[in-house]
Amino acid sequence: MHVVRPHVLIVEDEPAQREVLSYNLEAEGFRTTRAATGDEALLMVAEETPDVIVLDWMLPELSGIEVCRRLKSRPETKSVPIIMLSARSEEVDRVRGLETGADDYVVKPYSVAELMARVKGQLRRSRPAAVGEVLTYEDITLDAETHRVRRGTREIKVGPTEFRLLSTFMERPGRVWSREQLLDRVWGRDIYVDSRTVDVHVGRLRKALTVHGDGDPVRTVRGAGYALG
């Protein structure tokens, strides 16, 4: 079964640190992209929104604090978890980092194992299905670990692609997803799929969810995409 790995963007100007972080995150099952400067990071996020950002405070030219401030001020990226890395251990610096919008703050030198745990912790909040959490929306329950979906008391049979679609919708109820965003999240950027394929699979998901006469929870937003609720 094709699995879309959670995506972590590493923003770190020291090549050795970038390599160590990337190696360890990839070994834990993440997909990583890397940026050496703040400007490069902003461009990469505009191209593809990551699931978590590991961001160094001390970057050349545009600082990590400024990158964090800009990302948190934009509606499309404000909910992306940011873990700030810094050699500044003073409480005032930690407070400044968190007040700028960072979701977590890790002081250098750090333990790689601790950072991995913190990345997973942030991912649990932003993409719970990716770490095996059980999701619920109204009378629908999705268990990412056992790969089962229930509606009320009945188990619903869905294919692997429909399962990933539903977990994406259930992680952010009410959010409108464009076809392109769903292609990235459900199929992955490394696989070419026609955007109309999204419509086909949304149709299959709707059919599965309403097979017992229940209402259709998936909403079509004309000209924009799809949403749950």
Protein backbone atom coordinates (compact mmCIF):
# COMPACT_ATOMS: atom_id res chain seq x y z
CA MET A 1 0.00 0.00 0.00
CA HIS A 2 1.30 3.46 -0.91
CA VAL A 3 2.00 5.51 2.22
CA VAL A 4 2.50 9.27 2.21
CA ARG A 5 5.12 9.99 4.87
CA PRO A 6 4.76 13.05 7.12
CA HIS A 7 6.87 15.92 5.78
CA VAL A 8 9.36 17.82 7.95
CA LEU A 9 11.15 20.94 6.69
CA ILE A 10 14.58 21.44 8.31
CA VAL A 11 15.84 25.04 8.28
CA GLU A 12 19.46 25.03 9.46
CA ASP A 13 22.49 26.84 8.00
CA GLU A 14 25.07 24.33 9.29
CA PRO A 15 25.37 21.51 6.70
CA ALA A 16 26.45 18.89 9.27
CA GLN A 17 23.44 19.65 11.50
CA ARG A 18 21.10 19.50 8.49
CA GLU A 19 22.48 16.09 7.55
CA VAL A 20 22.18 14.67 11.08
CA LEU A 21 18.60 15.89 11.46
CA SER A 22 17.59 14.68 8.02
CA TYR A 23 19.18 11.25 8.52
CA ASN A 24 17.48 10.69 11.87
CA LEU A 25 14.07 11.95 10.76
CA GLU A 26 14.17 9.81 7.61
CA ALA A 27 15.12 6.81 9.76
CA GLU A 28 11.98 7.49 11.85
CA GLY A 29 9.80 7.37 8.75
CA PHE A 30 9.56 11.07 7.90
CA ARG A 31 10.18 12.71 4.54
CA THR A 32 12.46 15.71 4.83
CA THR A 33 13.29 18.77 2.79
CA ARG A 34 16.09 21.14 3.75
CA ALA A 35 16.71 24.88 3.61
CA ALA A 36 19.91 26.73 4.54
CA THR A 37 18.45 30.25 4.79
CA GLY A 38 15.24 31.90 5.95
CA ASP A 39 14.40 33.14 2.46
CA GLU A 40 14.87 29.65 1.01
CA ALA A 41 12.61 28.25 3.75
CA LEU A 42 9.81 30.72 2.94
CA LEU A 43 10.01 29.82 -0.76
CA MET A 44 9.88 26.09 0.03
CA VAL A 45 6.88 26.49 2.34
CA ALA A 46 5.07 28.49 -0.36
CA GLU A 47 5.68 25.61 -2.77
CA GLU A 48 4.68 22.82 -0.38
CA THR A 49 3.34 23.23 3.16
CA PRO A 50 5.19 20.83 5.49
CA ASP A 51 3.61 19.02 8.45
CA VAL A 52 6.27 20.26 10.90
CA ILE A 53 9.11 22.82 10.62
CA VAL A 54 12.37 22.49 12.57
CA LEU A 55 13.75 26.04 12.49
CA ASP A 56 17.14 27.35 13.66
CA TRP A 57 17.03 30.77 15.33
CA MET A 58 20.45 31.95 14.06
CA LEU A 59 20.22 32.03 10.27
CA PRO A 60 22.14 34.30 7.87
CA GLU A 61 20.24 37.42 6.74
CA LEU A 62 16.62 36.52 7.64
CA SER A 63 16.55 35.17 11.22
CA GLY A 64 14.55 32.16 12.36
CA ILE A 65 12.46 34.44 14.58
CA GLU A 66 11.46 36.53 11.54
CA VAL A 67 10.70 33.40 9.47
CA CYS A 68 8.50 32.15 12.32
CA ARG A 69 6.73 35.51 12.62
CA ARG A 70 5.95 35.61 8.89
CA LEU A 71 4.69 32.03 8.71
CA LYS A 72 2.48 32.44 11.80
CA SER A 73 0.98 35.66 10.39
CA ARG A 74 -0.26 33.92 7.23
CA PRO A 75 -3.60 32.08 7.39
CA GLU A 76 -2.34 29.23 5.17
CA THR A 77 0.70 28.46 7.36
CA LYS A 78 -0.22 29.67 10.87
CA SER A 79 -1.27 26.17 11.99
CA VAL A 80 2.00 24.47 10.88
CA PRO A 81 3.91 23.50 14.06
CA ILE A 82 7.32 25.17 14.36
CA ILE A 83 10.06 23.82 16.65
CA MET A 84 12.67 26.52 17.24
CA LEU A 85 16.31 25.46 17.73
CA SER A 86 18.61 27.88 19.53
CA ALA A 87 21.87 28.12 21.46
CA ARG A 88 20.14 30.84 23.51
CA SER A 89 19.14 29.19 26.76
CA GLU A 90 18.04 32.29 28.69
CA GLU A 91 14.40 32.31 29.72
CA VAL A 92 13.86 35.70 28.03
CA ASP A 93 14.96 34.20 24.67
CA ARG A 94 12.76 31.14 25.13
CA VAL A 95 9.78 33.39 25.92
CA ARG A 96 10.53 35.57 22.88
CA GLY A 97 10.64 32.51 20.62
CA LEU A 98 7.32 31.20 21.94
CA GLU A 99 5.68 34.62 21.82
CA THR A 100 6.66 34.93 18.16
CA GLY A 101 4.56 31.83 17.55
CA ALA A 102 6.96 28.90 17.89
CA ASP A 103 5.15 25.81 19.17
CA ASP A 104 8.23 24.41 20.91
CA TYR A 105 11.74 25.60 21.77
CA VAL A 106 14.79 23.32 21.97
CA VAL A 107 18.14 24.55 23.30
CA LYS A 108 21.39 23.51 21.58
CA PRO A 109 23.18 21.22 22.10
CA TYR A 110 20.16 18.94 22.12
CA SER A 111 19.68 15.20 22.19
CA VAL A 112 18.53 13.87 18.80
CA ALA A 113 16.20 11.41 20.56
CA GLU A 114 14.53 14.28 22.43
CA LEU A 115 14.08 16.29 19.24
CA MET A 116 12.55 13.26 17.47
CA ALA A 117 10.09 12.91 20.37
CA ARG A 118 9.17 16.59 20.10
CA VAL A 119 8.62 16.35 16.34
CA LYS A 120 6.31 13.38 16.92
CA GLY A 121 4.51 15.31 19.66
CA GLN A 122 3.83 18.23 17.33
CA LEU A 123 2.78 15.84 14.57
CA ARG A 124 0.34 14.17 16.96
CA ARG A 125 -1.37 17.55 17.26
CA SER A 126 -1.28 18.58 13.61
CA ARG A 127 -1.65 15.19 11.85
CA PRO A 128 -2.89 12.71 14.45
CA ALA A 129 -3.70 9.98 11.91
CA ALA A 130 -0.04 9.89 10.84
CA VAL A 131 0.96 8.70 14.32
CA GLY A 132 -1.84 6.17 14.75
CA GLU A 133 -4.34 8.25 16.73
CA VAL A 134 -8.08 7.54 16.70
CA LEU A 135 -10.06 10.38 15.07
CA THR A 136 -13.75 11.14 15.57
CA TYR A 137 -16.13 13.45 13.78
CA GLU A 138 -19.81 13.34 14.75
CA ASP A 139 -20.72 9.62 14.42
CA ILE A 140 -17.64 8.70 12.34
CA THR A 141 -14.61 7.06 13.98
CA LEU A 142 -11.33 6.40 12.18
CA ASP A 143 -8.66 4.23 13.80
CA ALA A 144 -5.37 4.88 11.98
CA GLU A 145 -3.60 1.99 13.69
CA THR A 146 -6.09 -0.76 12.84
CA HIS A 147 -7.13 0.96 9.60
CA ARG A 148 -10.84 0.73 10.46
CA VAL A 149 -13.68 3.18 9.98
CA ARG A 150 -16.98 3.07 11.85
CA ARG A 151 -20.12 5.12 11.44
CA GLY A 152 -22.33 4.77 14.48
CA THR A 153 -22.27 1.06 15.34
CA ARG A 154 -21.44 -0.16 11.82
CA GLU A 155 -18.02 -0.75 10.31
CA ILE A 156 -17.57 1.01 6.97
CA LYS A 157 -15.47 -0.60 4.24
CA VAL A 158 -13.19 1.93 2.52
CA GLY A 159 -10.22 1.47 0.20
CA PRO A 160 -6.71 2.66 1.19
CA THR A 161 -6.96 5.90 -0.82
CA GLU A 162 -10.42 6.70 0.58
CA PHE A 163 -9.04 5.97 4.07
CA ARG A 164 -6.25 8.55 3.58
CA LEU A 165 -8.76 11.05 2.18
CA LEU A 166 -11.06 10.60 5.16
CA SER A 167 -8.20 10.90 7.67
CA THR A 168 -7.10 14.16 5.99
CA PHE A 169 -10.65 15.55 6.23
CA MET A 170 -11.07 14.37 9.84
CA GLU A 171 -7.81 15.95 11.00
CA ARG A 172 -9.17 19.39 10.04
CA PRO A 173 -12.99 19.36 10.00
CA GLY A 174 -14.39 22.41 8.24
CA ARG A 175 -11.17 23.17 6.36
CA VAL A 176 -11.62 23.43 2.59
CA TRP A 177 -9.00 21.37 0.75
CA SER A 178 -8.26 22.11 -2.92
CA ARG A 179 -7.72 19.19 -5.28
CA GLU A 180 -3.99 20.04 -5.46
CA GLN A 181 -3.67 20.02 -1.66
CA LEU A 182 -5.44 16.66 -1.47
CA LEU A 183 -3.15 15.26 -4.18
CA ASP A 184 -0.09 16.29 -2.16
CA ARG A 185 -1.45 14.98 1.14
CA VAL A 186 -3.11 11.75 -0.05
CA TRP A 187 -1.07 10.67 -3.07
CA GLY A 188 2.22 12.49 -2.43
CA ARG A 189 4.19 14.88 -4.60
CA ASP A 190 6.34 12.14 -6.10
CA ILE A 191 3.36 10.50 -7.83
CA TYR A 192 1.61 12.08 -10.82
CA VAL A 193 -2.16 11.80 -10.60
CA ASP A 194 -4.71 13.81 -12.58
CA SER A 195 -6.65 16.18 -10.31
CA ARG A 196 -9.94 14.68 -11.56
CA THR A 197 -8.89 11.45 -9.83
CA VAL A 198 -9.58 13.28 -6.56
CA ASP A 199 -13.23 13.68 -7.57
CA VAL A 200 -13.51 9.94 -8.30
CA HIS A 201 -12.13 8.96 -4.88
CA VAL A 202 -14.22 11.56 -3.05
CA GLY A 203 -17.23 10.02 -4.81
CA ARG A 204 -16.21 6.55 -3.60
CA LEU A 205 -15.71 7.85 -0.06
CA ARG A 206 -19.16 9.46 -0.09
CA LYS A 207 -20.72 6.23 -1.32
CA ALA A 208 -19.05 4.24 1.46
CA LEU A 209 -20.09 6.72 4.18
CA THR A 210 -23.72 6.83 3.03
CA VAL A 211 -24.14 3.14 2.17
CA HIS A 212 -26.50 2.60 5.14
CA GLY A 213 -28.62 5.67 4.41
CA ASP A 214 -26.69 8.13 6.60
CA GLY A 215 -26.24 11.74 5.47
CA ASP A 216 -23.24 12.81 3.36
CA PRO A 217 -20.75 14.68 5.61
CA VAL A 218 -18.45 15.70 2.72
CA ARG A 219 -19.18 19.14 1.35
CA THR A 220 -18.27 20.29 -2.17
CA VAL A 221 -17.18 23.93 -2.21
CA ARG A 222 -17.69 25.19 -5.72
CA GLY A 223 -14.46 26.39 -7.31
CA ALA A 224 -12.43 25.61 -4.18
CA GLY A 225 -12.52 21.90 -3.31
CA TYR A 226 -13.90 19.71 -0.55
CA ALA A 227 -14.45 19.88 3.20
CA LEU A 228 -15.80 17.71 5.98
CA GLY A 229 -18.78 19.45 7.53
